[in-house]
PDB file of N, CA and C in Angstrom:
ATOM      1  N   MET A   1      -5.349  -1.497  -4.910  1.00  0.00           N
ATOM      2  CA  MET A   1      -6.554  -1.132  -4.184  1.00  0.00           C
ATOM      3  C   MET A   1      -7.662  -2.151  -4.427  1.00  0.00           C
ATOM      4  N   GLU A   2      -7.683  -2.729  -5.612  1.00  0.00           N
ATOM      5  CA  GLU A   2      -8.693  -3.753  -5.893  1.00  0.00           C
ATOM      6  C   GLU A   2      -8.530  -4.938  -4.940  1.00  0.00           C
ATOM      7  N   HIS A   3      -7.294  -5.315  -4.691  1.00  0.00           N
ATOM      8  CA  HIS A   3      -7.015  -6.410  -3.751  1.00  0.00           C
ATOM      9  C   HIS A   3      -7.518  -6.042  -2.349  1.00  0.00           C
ATOM     10  N   VAL A   4      -7.267  -4.820  -1.935  1.00  0.00           N
ATOM     11  CA  VAL A   4      -7.684  -4.355  -0.608  1.00  0.00           C
ATOM     12  C   VAL A   4      -9.204  -4.372  -0.488  1.00  0.00           C
ATOM     13  N   ARG A   5      -9.889  -3.865  -1.521  1.00  0.00           N
ATOM     14  CA  ARG A   5     -11.355  -3.846  -1.488  1.00  0.00           C
ATOM     15  C   ARG A   5     -11.918  -5.262  -1.469  1.00  0.00           C
ATOM     16  N   GLY A   6     -11.391  -6.120  -2.309  1.00  0.00           N
ATOM     17  CA  GLY A   6     -11.914  -7.475  -2.403  1.00  0.00           C
ATOM     18  C   GLY A   6     -11.619  -8.338  -1.192  1.00  0.00           C
ATOM     19  N   ARG A   7     -10.404  -8.283  -0.710  1.00  0.00           N
ATOM     20  CA  ARG A   7     -10.012  -9.182   0.380  1.00  0.00           C
ATOM     21  C   ARG A   7     -10.374  -8.655   1.762  1.00  0.00           C
ATOM     22  N   TYR A   8     -10.215  -7.357   1.971  1.00  0.00           N
ATOM     23  CA  TYR A   8     -10.390  -6.809   3.315  1.00  0.00           C
ATOM     24  C   TYR A   8     -11.650  -5.970   3.484  1.00  0.00           C
ATOM     25  N   LYS A   9     -12.382  -5.801   2.402  1.00  0.00           N
ATOM     26  CA  LYS A   9     -13.642  -5.038   2.447  1.00  0.00           C
ATOM     27  C   LYS A   9     -13.423  -3.626   2.997  1.00  0.00           C
ATOM     28  N   ILE A  10     -12.345  -2.999   2.552  1.00  0.00           N
ATOM     29  CA  ILE A  10     -12.056  -1.615   2.921  1.00  0.00           C
ATOM     30  C   ILE A  10     -12.338  -0.764   1.680  1.00  0.00           C
ATOM     31  N   PHE A  11     -13.307   0.108   1.774  1.00  0.00           N
ATOM     32  CA  PHE A  11     -13.735   0.904   0.634  1.00  0.00           C
ATOM     33  C   PHE A  11     -13.447   2.392   0.849  1.00  0.00           C
ATOM     34  N   ALA A  12     -12.318   2.704   1.434  1.00  0.00           N
ATOM     35  CA  ALA A  12     -11.958   4.088   1.744  1.00  0.00           C
ATOM     36  C   ALA A  12     -11.646   4.863   0.474  1.00  0.00           C
ATOM     37  N   ARG A  13     -12.052   6.108   0.460  1.00  0.00           N
ATOM     38  CA  ARG A  13     -11.725   7.005  -0.647  1.00  0.00           C
ATOM     39  C   ARG A  13     -10.350   7.617  -0.451  1.00  0.00           C
ATOM     40  N   GLU A  14      -9.980   7.825   0.799  1.00  0.00           N
ATOM     41  CA  GLU A  14      -8.709   8.453   1.152  1.00  0.00           C
ATOM     42  C   GLU A  14      -7.746   7.389   1.696  1.00  0.00           C
ATOM     43  N   THR A  15      -6.497   7.507   1.314  1.00  0.00           N
ATOM     44  CA  THR A  15      -5.485   6.611   1.875  1.00  0.00           C
ATOM     45  C   THR A  15      -4.762   7.363   3.000  1.00  0.00           C
ATOM     46  N   ASP A  16      -5.533   7.712   4.007  1.00  0.00           N
ATOM     47  CA  ASP A  16      -5.029   8.488   5.136  1.00  0.00           C
ATOM     48  C   ASP A  16      -4.583   7.561   6.269  1.00  0.00           C
ATOM     49  N   ALA A  17      -4.264   8.152   7.409  1.00  0.00           N
ATOM     50  CA  ALA A  17      -3.769   7.382   8.559  1.00  0.00           C
ATOM     51  C   ALA A  17      -4.780   6.337   9.027  1.00  0.00           C
ATOM     52  N   ASP A  18      -6.077   6.665   8.982  1.00  0.00           N
ATOM     53  CA  ASP A  18      -7.102   5.696   9.390  1.00  0.00           C
ATOM     54  C   ASP A  18      -7.124   4.496   8.442  1.00  0.00           C
ATOM     55  N   PHE A  19      -6.989   4.750   7.154  1.00  0.00           N
ATOM     56  CA  PHE A  19      -6.936   3.672   6.167  1.00  0.00           C
ATOM     57  C   PHE A  19      -5.727   2.777   6.436  1.00  0.00           C
ATOM     58  N   ILE A  20      -4.572   3.381   6.669  1.00  0.00           N
ATOM     59  CA  ILE A  20      -3.348   2.621   6.914  1.00  0.00           C
ATOM     60  C   ILE A  20      -3.504   1.744   8.148  1.00  0.00           C
ATOM     61  N   LYS A  21      -4.046   2.295   9.219  1.00  0.00           N
ATOM     62  CA  LYS A  21      -4.250   1.521  10.448  1.00  0.00           C
ATOM     63  C   LYS A  21      -5.218   0.365  10.227  1.00  0.00           C
ATOM     64  N   GLU A  22      -6.314   0.631   9.514  1.00  0.00           N
ATOM     65  CA  GLU A  22      -7.302  -0.417   9.276  1.00  0.00           C
ATOM     66  C   GLU A  22      -6.728  -1.535   8.416  1.00  0.00           C
ATOM     67  N   LEU A  23      -6.007  -1.171   7.360  1.00  0.00           N
ATOM     68  CA  LEU A  23      -5.412  -2.189   6.495  1.00  0.00           C
ATOM     69  C   LEU A  23      -4.364  -2.992   7.254  1.00  0.00           C
ATOM     70  N   SER A  24      -3.554  -2.331   8.051  1.00  0.00           N
ATOM     71  CA  SER A  24      -2.553  -3.029   8.842  1.00  0.00           C
ATOM     72  C   SER A  24      -3.223  -4.009   9.803  1.00  0.00           C
ATOM     73  N   TYR A  25      -4.269  -3.561  10.473  1.00  0.00           N
ATOM     74  CA  TYR A  25      -4.990  -4.408  11.423  1.00  0.00           C
ATOM     75  C   TYR A  25      -5.617  -5.620  10.730  1.00  0.00           C
ATOM     76  N   LYS A  26      -6.320  -5.375   9.630  1.00  0.00           N
ATOM     77  CA  LYS A  26      -7.029  -6.469   8.956  1.00  0.00           C
ATOM     78  C   LYS A  26      -6.089  -7.431   8.245  1.00  0.00           C
ATOM     79  N   SER A  27      -4.953  -6.937   7.748  1.00  0.00           N
ATOM     80  CA  SER A  27      -4.032  -7.791   7.000  1.00  0.00           C
ATOM     81  C   SER A  27      -2.995  -8.460   7.893  1.00  0.00           C
ATOM     82  N   GLY A  28      -2.743  -7.857   9.057  1.00  0.00           N
ATOM     83  CA  GLY A  28      -1.699  -8.371   9.929  1.00  0.00           C
ATOM     84  C   GLY A  28      -0.309  -7.926   9.507  1.00  0.00           C
ATOM     85  N   VAL A  29      -0.242  -7.013   8.555  1.00  0.00           N
ATOM     86  CA  VAL A  29       1.027  -6.502   8.039  1.00  0.00           C
ATOM     87  C   VAL A  29       1.418  -5.272   8.852  1.00  0.00           C
ATOM     88  N   ASP A  30       2.705  -5.147   9.137  1.00  0.00           N
ATOM     89  CA  ASP A  30       3.207  -4.028   9.924  1.00  0.00           C
ATOM     90  C   ASP A  30       2.772  -2.684   9.325  1.00  0.00           C
ATOM     91  N   GLU A  31       2.327  -1.801  10.203  1.00  0.00           N
ATOM     92  CA  GLU A  31       1.809  -0.503   9.778  1.00  0.00           C
ATOM     93  C   GLU A  31       2.842   0.310   8.992  1.00  0.00           C
ATOM     94  N   SER A  32       4.102   0.192   9.343  1.00  0.00           N
ATOM     95  CA  SER A  32       5.138   0.960   8.644  1.00  0.00           C
ATOM     96  C   SER A  32       5.284   0.512   7.188  1.00  0.00           C
ATOM     97  N   LEU A  33       5.127  -0.772   6.918  1.00  0.00           N
ATOM     98  CA  LEU A  33       5.194  -1.257   5.538  1.00  0.00           C
ATOM     99  C   LEU A  33       3.992  -0.754   4.744  1.00  0.00           C
ATOM    100  N   VAL A  34       2.820  -0.803   5.334  1.00  0.00           N
ATOM    101  CA  VAL A  34       1.620  -0.301   4.659  1.00  0.00           C
ATOM    102  C   VAL A  34       1.792   1.185   4.353  1.00  0.00           C
ATOM    103  N   GLU A  35       2.288   1.932   5.316  1.00  0.00           N
ATOM    104  CA  GLU A  35       2.494   3.374   5.116  1.00  0.00           C
ATOM    105  C   GLU A  35       3.508   3.636   4.003  1.00  0.00           C
ATOM    106  N   THR A  36       4.564   2.858   3.955  1.00  0.00           N
ATOM    107  CA  THR A  36       5.577   3.008   2.906  1.00  0.00           C
ATOM    108  C   THR A  36       4.973   2.761   1.529  1.00  0.00           C
ATOM    109  N   ILE A  37       4.201   1.696   1.396  1.00  0.00           N
ATOM    110  CA  ILE A  37       3.575   1.374   0.104  1.00  0.00           C
ATOM    111  C   ILE A  37       2.626   2.484  -0.322  1.00  0.00           C
ATOM    112  N   ILE A  38       1.799   2.953   0.588  1.00  0.00           N
ATOM    113  CA  ILE A  38       0.851   4.020   0.264  1.00  0.00           C
ATOM    114  C   ILE A  38       1.594   5.282  -0.149  1.00  0.00           C
ATOM    115  N   SER A  39       2.672   5.618   0.553  1.00  0.00           N
ATOM    116  CA  SER A  39       3.469   6.799   0.200  1.00  0.00           C
ATOM    117  C   SER A  39       4.084   6.664  -1.182  1.00  0.00           C
ATOM    118  N   GLN A  40       4.604   5.472  -1.495  1.00  0.00           N
ATOM    119  CA  GLN A  40       5.185   5.246  -2.811  1.00  0.00           C
ATOM    120  C   GLN A  40       4.129   5.393  -3.906  1.00  0.00           C
ATOM    121  N   ILE A  41       2.974   4.800  -3.712  1.00  0.00           N
ATOM    122  CA  ILE A  41       1.900   4.872  -4.706  1.00  0.00           C
ATOM    123  C   ILE A  41       1.447   6.318  -4.892  1.00  0.00           C
ATOM    124  N   ASN A  42       1.255   7.039  -3.788  1.00  0.00           N
ATOM    125  CA  ASN A  42       0.821   8.433  -3.880  1.00  0.00           C
ATOM    126  C   ASN A  42       1.850   9.292  -4.605  1.00  0.00           C
ATOM    127  N   ARG A  43       3.127   9.076  -4.316  1.00  0.00           N
ATOM    128  CA  ARG A  43       4.186   9.842  -4.981  1.00  0.00           C
ATOM    129  C   ARG A  43       4.174   9.586  -6.481  1.00  0.00           C
ATOM    130  N   ILE A  44       4.053   8.337  -6.875  1.00  0.00           N
ATOM    131  CA  ILE A  44       4.029   7.995  -8.296  1.00  0.00           C
ATOM    132  C   ILE A  44       2.810   8.600  -8.971  1.00  0.00           C
ATOM    133  N   ASN A  45       1.655   8.506  -8.332  1.00  0.00           N
ATOM    134  CA  ASN A  45       0.434   9.081  -8.902  1.00  0.00           C
ATOM    135  C   ASN A  45       0.527  10.594  -9.046  1.00  0.00           C
ATOM    136  N   ASN A  46       1.125  11.257  -8.075  1.00  0.00           N
ATOM    137  CA  ASN A  46       1.232  12.719  -8.119  1.00  0.00           C
ATOM    138  C   ASN A  46       2.249  13.206  -9.146  1.00  0.00           C
ATOM    139  N   GLU A  47       3.308  12.442  -9.350  1.00  0.00           N
ATOM    140  CA  GLU A  47       4.364  12.850 -10.272  1.00  0.00           C
ATOM    141  C   GLU A  47       4.119  12.359 -11.694  1.00  0.00           C
ATOM    142  N   ASN A  48       3.230  11.383 -11.851  1.00  0.00           N
ATOM    143  CA  ASN A  48       2.976  10.777 -13.163  1.00  0.00           C
ATOM    144  C   ASN A  48       4.241  10.235 -13.805  1.00  0.00           C
ATOM    145  N   PHE A  49       5.199   9.861 -12.979  1.00  0.00           N
ATOM    146  CA  PHE A  49       6.451   9.306 -13.460  1.00  0.00           C
ATOM    147  C   PHE A  49       6.973   8.347 -12.412  1.00  0.00           C
ATOM    148  N   CYS A  50       7.646   7.312 -12.873  1.00  0.00           N
ATOM    149  CA  CYS A  50       8.225   6.339 -11.954  1.00  0.00           C
ATOM    150  C   CYS A  50       9.509   5.800 -12.579  1.00  0.00           C
ATOM    151  N   SER A  51      10.608   5.968 -11.874  1.00  0.00           N
ATOM    152  CA  SER A  51      11.872   5.418 -12.359  1.00  0.00           C
ATOM    153  C   SER A  51      11.864   3.901 -12.169  1.00  0.00           C
ATOM    154  N   ASP A  52      12.772   3.245 -12.829  1.00  0.00           N
ATOM    155  CA  ASP A  52      12.891   1.793 -12.678  1.00  0.00           C
ATOM    156  C   ASP A  52      13.200   1.422 -11.223  1.00  0.00           C
ATOM    157  N   THR A  53      14.031   2.215 -10.578  1.00  0.00           N
ATOM    158  CA  THR A  53      14.404   1.957  -9.187  1.00  0.00           C
ATOM    159  C   THR A  53      13.193   2.073  -8.273  1.00  0.00           C
ATOM    160  N   GLU A  54      12.394   3.133  -8.466  1.00  0.00           N
ATOM    161  CA  GLU A  54      11.190   3.316  -7.657  1.00  0.00           C
ATOM    162  C   GLU A  54      10.199   2.183  -7.885  1.00  0.00           C
ATOM    163  N   LEU A  55      10.048   1.779  -9.132  1.00  0.00           N
ATOM    164  CA  LEU A  55       9.123   0.700  -9.460  1.00  0.00           C
ATOM    165  C   LEU A  55       9.564  -0.618  -8.829  1.00  0.00           C
ATOM    166  N   MET A  56      10.853  -0.902  -8.856  1.00  0.00           N
ATOM    167  CA  MET A  56      11.357  -2.138  -8.247  1.00  0.00           C
ATOM    168  C   MET A  56      11.177  -2.105  -6.732  1.00  0.00           C
ATOM    169  N   ALA A  57      11.389  -0.948  -6.102  1.00  0.00           N
ATOM    170  CA  ALA A  57      11.202  -0.824  -4.657  1.00  0.00           C
ATOM    171  C   ALA A  57       9.738  -1.030  -4.290  1.00  0.00           C
ATOM    172  N   LEU A  58       8.832  -0.442  -5.073  1.00  0.00           N
ATOM    173  CA  LEU A  58       7.402  -0.625  -4.831  1.00  0.00           C
ATOM    174  C   LEU A  58       7.027  -2.094  -4.988  1.00  0.00           C
ATOM    175  N   GLN A  59       7.514  -2.734  -6.027  1.00  0.00           N
ATOM    176  CA  GLN A  59       7.205  -4.148  -6.255  1.00  0.00           C
ATOM    177  C   GLN A  59       7.688  -5.012  -5.098  1.00  0.00           C
ATOM    178  N   ARG A  60       8.902  -4.751  -4.607  1.00  0.00           N
ATOM    179  CA  ARG A  60       9.431  -5.506  -3.448  1.00  0.00           C
ATOM    180  C   ARG A  60       8.542  -5.320  -2.229  1.00  0.00           C
ATOM    181  N   ASN A  61       8.112  -4.087  -1.995  1.00  0.00           N
ATOM    182  CA  ASN A  61       7.263  -3.823  -0.832  1.00  0.00           C
ATOM    183  C   ASN A  61       5.897  -4.484  -0.974  1.00  0.00           C
ATOM    184  N   ILE A  62       5.333  -4.484  -2.162  1.00  0.00           N
ATOM    185  CA  ILE A  62       4.050  -5.159  -2.390  1.00  0.00           C
ATOM    186  C   ILE A  62       4.215  -6.665  -2.181  1.00  0.00           C
ATOM    187  N   GLU A  63       5.323  -7.225  -2.652  1.00  0.00           N
ATOM    188  CA  GLU A  63       5.583  -8.654  -2.437  1.00  0.00           C
ATOM    189  C   GLU A  63       5.730  -8.956  -0.944  1.00  0.00           C
ATOM    190  N   ASP A  64       6.423  -8.080  -0.222  1.00  0.00           N
ATOM    191  CA  ASP A  64       6.550  -8.250   1.232  1.00  0.00           C
ATOM    192  C   ASP A  64       5.182  -8.214   1.890  1.00  0.00           C
ATOM    193  N   PHE A  65       4.328  -7.298   1.439  1.00  0.00           N
ATOM    194  CA  PHE A  65       2.966  -7.209   1.974  1.00  0.00           C
ATOM    195  C   PHE A  65       2.247  -8.528   1.769  1.00  0.00           C
ATOM    196  N   HIS A  66       2.263  -9.046   0.555  1.00  0.00           N
ATOM    197  CA  HIS A  66       1.570 -10.297   0.248  1.00  0.00           C
ATOM    198  C   HIS A  66       2.154 -11.480   1.030  1.00  0.00           C
ATOM    199  N   ASN A  67       3.451 -11.481   1.212  1.00  0.00           N
ATOM    200  CA  ASN A  67       4.103 -12.570   1.959  1.00  0.00           C
ATOM    201  C   ASN A  67       3.792 -12.530   3.445  1.00  0.00           C
ATOM    202  N   ASN A  68       3.386 -11.374   3.949  1.00  0.00           N
ATOM    203  CA  ASN A  68       3.126 -11.221   5.382  1.00  0.00           C
ATOM    204  C   ASN A  68       1.650 -11.194   5.728  1.00  0.00           C
ATOM    205  N   GLU A  69       0.771 -11.325   4.727  1.00  0.00           N
ATOM    206  CA  GLU A  69      -0.677 -11.315   4.984  1.00  0.00           C
ATOM    207  C   GLU A  69      -1.065 -12.505   5.819  1.00  0.00           C
TER     208      GLU A  69
END
């Protein structure tokens, strides 16, 4: 989120559909990838647990996001 605030000047409190659309538009990254990353982050935050597999999938998606900016 720090990257999003600093680079795209998006200061949303909620990671809702409007946030996803705005980030996708400003970053040029496909909306489905942004939605996937947000869903993964929210799931991890809500469960307070992350398996190695989930963490690796999140990392791959974040790398894809950065590669497509």
